[in-house]
N, C-alpha and C. Protein backbone atom coordinates (compact mmCIF):
# COMPACT_ATOMS: atom_id res chain seq x y z
N MET A 1 0.95 -1.11 0.05
CA MET A 1 0.22 -0.12 -0.15
C MET A 1 0.86 0.99 0.11
N ALA A 2 0.56 2.09 -0.88
CA ALA A 2 1.48 3.71 -0.75
C ALA A 2 1.06 4.48 0.26
N GLN A 3 2.11 4.92 0.65
CA GLN A 3 2.06 6.08 1.82
C GLN A 3 1.39 7.43 1.46
N ALA A 4 0.78 7.86 2.29
CA ALA A 4 0.19 9.24 2.23
C ALA A 4 1.38 10.24 1.89
N PRO A 5 0.99 11.09 1.08
CA PRO A 5 2.27 12.13 0.87
C PRO A 5 2.31 12.93 2.11
N ARG A 6 3.70 13.25 2.40
CA ARG A 6 4.23 13.95 3.51
C ARG A 6 3.54 15.12 3.27
N LYS A 7 3.19 15.87 4.47
CA LYS A 7 2.86 17.39 4.57
C LYS A 7 4.21 18.24 4.63
N ARG A 8 4.07 19.41 3.88
CA ARG A 8 5.20 20.36 3.67
C ARG A 8 4.86 21.51 4.88
N GLY A 9 6.21 22.07 4.99
CA GLY A 9 6.07 23.38 5.70
C GLY A 9 6.29 23.01 7.32
N ARG A 10 5.97 24.19 7.76
CA ARG A 10 6.25 24.32 9.33
C ARG A 10 5.08 23.71 9.98
N PRO A 11 5.27 23.24 11.25
CA PRO A 11 4.04 22.78 11.84
C PRO A 11 3.27 24.14 12.64
N PRO A 12 2.33 23.72 13.08
CA PRO A 12 1.31 24.73 13.38
C PRO A 12 1.88 25.46 14.66
N ASN A 13 1.66 26.43 14.90
CA ASN A 13 2.11 27.27 16.15
C ASN A 13 1.53 26.86 17.38
N LYS A 14 2.37 26.33 18.39
CA LYS A 14 1.42 25.76 19.68
C LYS A 14 1.15 26.82 20.61
N ALA A 15 1.59 28.05 20.47
CA ALA A 15 1.33 29.14 21.25
C ALA A 15 0.04 29.68 20.94
N PRO A 16 -1.12 29.90 21.71
CA PRO A 16 -2.35 30.52 21.28
C PRO A 16 -1.86 32.02 20.61
N THR A 17 -2.97 32.28 19.59
CA THR A 17 -2.68 33.55 19.02
C THR A 17 -3.99 34.35 18.88
N LYS A 18 -3.99 35.47 19.00
CA LYS A 18 -5.05 36.34 18.78
C LYS A 18 -4.86 37.39 17.54
N LYS A 19 -6.02 37.44 17.03
CA LYS A 19 -5.95 38.55 15.73
C LYS A 19 -6.01 40.08 16.21
N VAL A 20 -5.11 40.84 15.77
CA VAL A 20 -5.17 42.24 15.84
C VAL A 20 -5.22 42.90 14.70
N SER A 21 -6.15 43.96 14.26
CA SER A 21 -6.44 44.55 13.02
C SER A 21 -6.09 46.16 13.11
N PRO A 22 -4.86 46.54 13.04
CA PRO A 22 -4.43 47.85 13.13
C PRO A 22 -5.13 48.54 11.90
N SER A 23 -5.46 49.85 12.37
CA SER A 23 -5.73 50.86 11.20
C SER A 23 -4.44 51.69 10.79
N LEU A 24 -4.49 51.47 9.32
CA LEU A 24 -2.97 52.41 8.86
C LEU A 24 -3.30 53.27 7.60
N ASP A 25 -2.71 54.24 7.64
CA ASP A 25 -2.94 55.20 6.84
C ASP A 25 -2.38 54.83 5.44
N GLU A 26 -2.90 55.67 4.41
CA GLU A 26 -2.40 55.16 3.09
C GLU A 26 -0.92 54.92 2.91
N PRO A 27 -0.03 56.09 3.15
CA PRO A 27 1.15 55.92 2.85
C PRO A 27 1.86 54.69 3.66
N THR A 28 1.34 54.36 4.98
CA THR A 28 1.96 53.29 5.55
C THR A 28 1.54 51.99 4.69
N LEU A 29 0.30 51.76 4.16
CA LEU A 29 -0.04 50.56 3.40
C LEU A 29 0.65 50.58 2.04
N ALA A 30 0.87 51.59 1.50
CA ALA A 30 1.68 51.89 0.44
C ALA A 30 3.02 51.24 0.37
N SER A 31 3.64 51.72 1.66
CA SER A 31 5.10 51.22 2.05
C SER A 31 4.96 49.50 2.40
N LEU A 32 3.81 48.98 2.98
CA LEU A 32 3.92 47.54 2.95
C LEU A 32 3.76 46.84 1.91
N ASP A 33 2.85 47.30 0.82
CA ASP A 33 2.49 46.89 -0.38
C ASP A 33 3.84 47.05 -1.15
N GLN A 34 4.57 47.82 -0.89
CA GLN A 34 6.05 47.91 -1.78
C GLN A 34 6.97 46.82 -1.30
N LEU A 35 6.77 46.86 -0.01
CA LEU A 35 7.79 45.82 0.70
C LEU A 35 7.28 44.33 0.23
N VAL A 36 6.16 44.02 0.06
CA VAL A 36 5.47 42.66 -0.36
C VAL A 36 6.16 42.47 -1.76
N SER A 37 6.01 43.60 -2.37
CA SER A 37 6.50 43.30 -4.01
C SER A 37 8.13 43.15 -4.22
N LYS A 38 8.71 43.56 -2.94
CA LYS A 38 10.24 43.34 -2.99
C LYS A 38 10.44 41.78 -2.29
N GLY A 39 9.54 41.06 -1.83
CA GLY A 39 9.64 39.86 -1.42
C GLY A 39 9.85 39.69 0.11
N TYR A 40 9.39 40.68 0.77
CA TYR A 40 9.32 40.78 2.33
C TYR A 40 8.29 39.82 3.01
N GLY A 41 7.32 39.80 2.22
CA GLY A 41 6.35 38.62 2.66
C GLY A 41 5.13 38.47 1.59
N LYS A 42 4.24 37.65 1.83
CA LYS A 42 3.14 37.29 0.97
C LYS A 42 2.22 38.16 0.91
N ASN A 43 2.04 39.02 1.96
CA ASN A 43 0.96 40.00 1.64
C ASN A 43 1.26 41.14 2.99
N PRO A 44 0.64 42.50 2.97
CA PRO A 44 1.00 43.39 3.91
C PRO A 44 0.78 43.12 5.34
N SER A 45 -0.33 42.21 5.71
CA SER A 45 -0.19 41.45 7.13
C SER A 45 0.99 40.88 7.41
N ASP A 46 1.74 40.07 6.64
CA ASP A 46 2.97 39.16 6.80
C ASP A 46 4.03 40.37 7.02
N VAL A 47 4.15 41.15 6.19
CA VAL A 47 5.01 42.17 6.29
C VAL A 47 4.76 43.00 7.67
N ALA A 48 3.69 43.47 7.93
CA ALA A 48 3.43 44.10 9.40
C ALA A 48 3.85 43.27 10.56
N ARG A 49 3.70 41.84 10.51
CA ARG A 49 3.64 40.77 11.54
C ARG A 49 5.26 41.04 11.99
N TYR A 50 5.89 40.72 10.90
CA TYR A 50 7.38 40.64 11.01
C TYR A 50 8.06 41.90 11.63
N PHE A 51 7.64 43.12 11.12
CA PHE A 51 8.26 44.31 11.61
C PHE A 51 7.71 44.50 13.24
N ILE A 52 6.43 44.16 13.63
CA ILE A 52 6.08 43.95 14.86
C ILE A 52 6.88 43.43 15.88
N LYS A 53 7.03 42.04 15.20
CA LYS A 53 7.84 41.03 16.03
C LYS A 53 9.29 41.55 16.16
N ARG A 54 9.95 42.15 15.31
CA ARG A 54 11.34 42.42 15.27
C ARG A 54 11.50 43.58 16.43
N GLU A 55 10.52 44.47 16.07
CA GLU A 55 10.54 45.75 17.02
C GLU A 55 10.18 45.35 18.57
N ILE A 56 9.43 44.29 18.94
CA ILE A 56 9.01 43.97 20.36
C ILE A 56 10.52 43.08 20.74
N ASP A 57 11.04 42.35 19.73
CA ASP A 57 12.31 41.69 20.10
C ASP A 57 13.55 42.94 20.40
N ASP A 58 13.58 43.89 19.65
CA ASP A 58 14.57 45.05 20.18
C ASP A 58 14.09 45.62 21.51
N LEU A 59 12.93 45.91 21.77
CA LEU A 59 12.55 46.34 22.90
C LEU A 59 12.83 45.27 24.36
N LYS A 60 12.83 44.07 23.79
CA LYS A 60 13.13 43.18 24.95
C LYS A 60 14.70 43.31 25.33
N ARG A 61 15.38 43.34 24.06
CA ARG A 61 16.73 43.22 24.46
C ARG A 61 17.28 44.34 24.79
N ALA A 62 16.55 45.76 24.51
CA ALA A 62 17.04 46.88 25.38
C ALA A 62 16.44 47.01 26.75
N GLY A 63 15.58 46.00 27.26
CA GLY A 63 15.21 45.99 28.62
C GLY A 63 13.98 47.17 28.85
N VAL A 64 13.32 47.54 27.52
CA VAL A 64 12.19 47.99 27.82
C VAL A 64 11.19 47.37 28.07
N LEU A 65 10.98 46.37 27.57
CA LEU A 65 9.94 45.30 27.71
C LEU A 65 10.70 43.95 28.60
N ALA A 66 9.60 43.25 29.41
CA ALA A 66 10.35 42.08 30.27
C ALA A 66 10.20 41.04 29.37
N GLY A 67 11.28 40.17 29.22
CA GLY A 67 11.16 39.06 28.24
C GLY A 67 12.29 38.00 28.53
């Protein structure tokens, strides 16, 4: 009997997540779209998530946030 095809990609995140929907002005959204076209993410939400997480990590390293 043939084996089922193996799933690709990363496993699901085990940490619970919540959705956040920030309101952005047009120039900021245009910047996110520009970064998507340069390969920084699949869509503006991916790019925004990357920059938010990066800034939080920086603030933790600087001692501004506990971490």
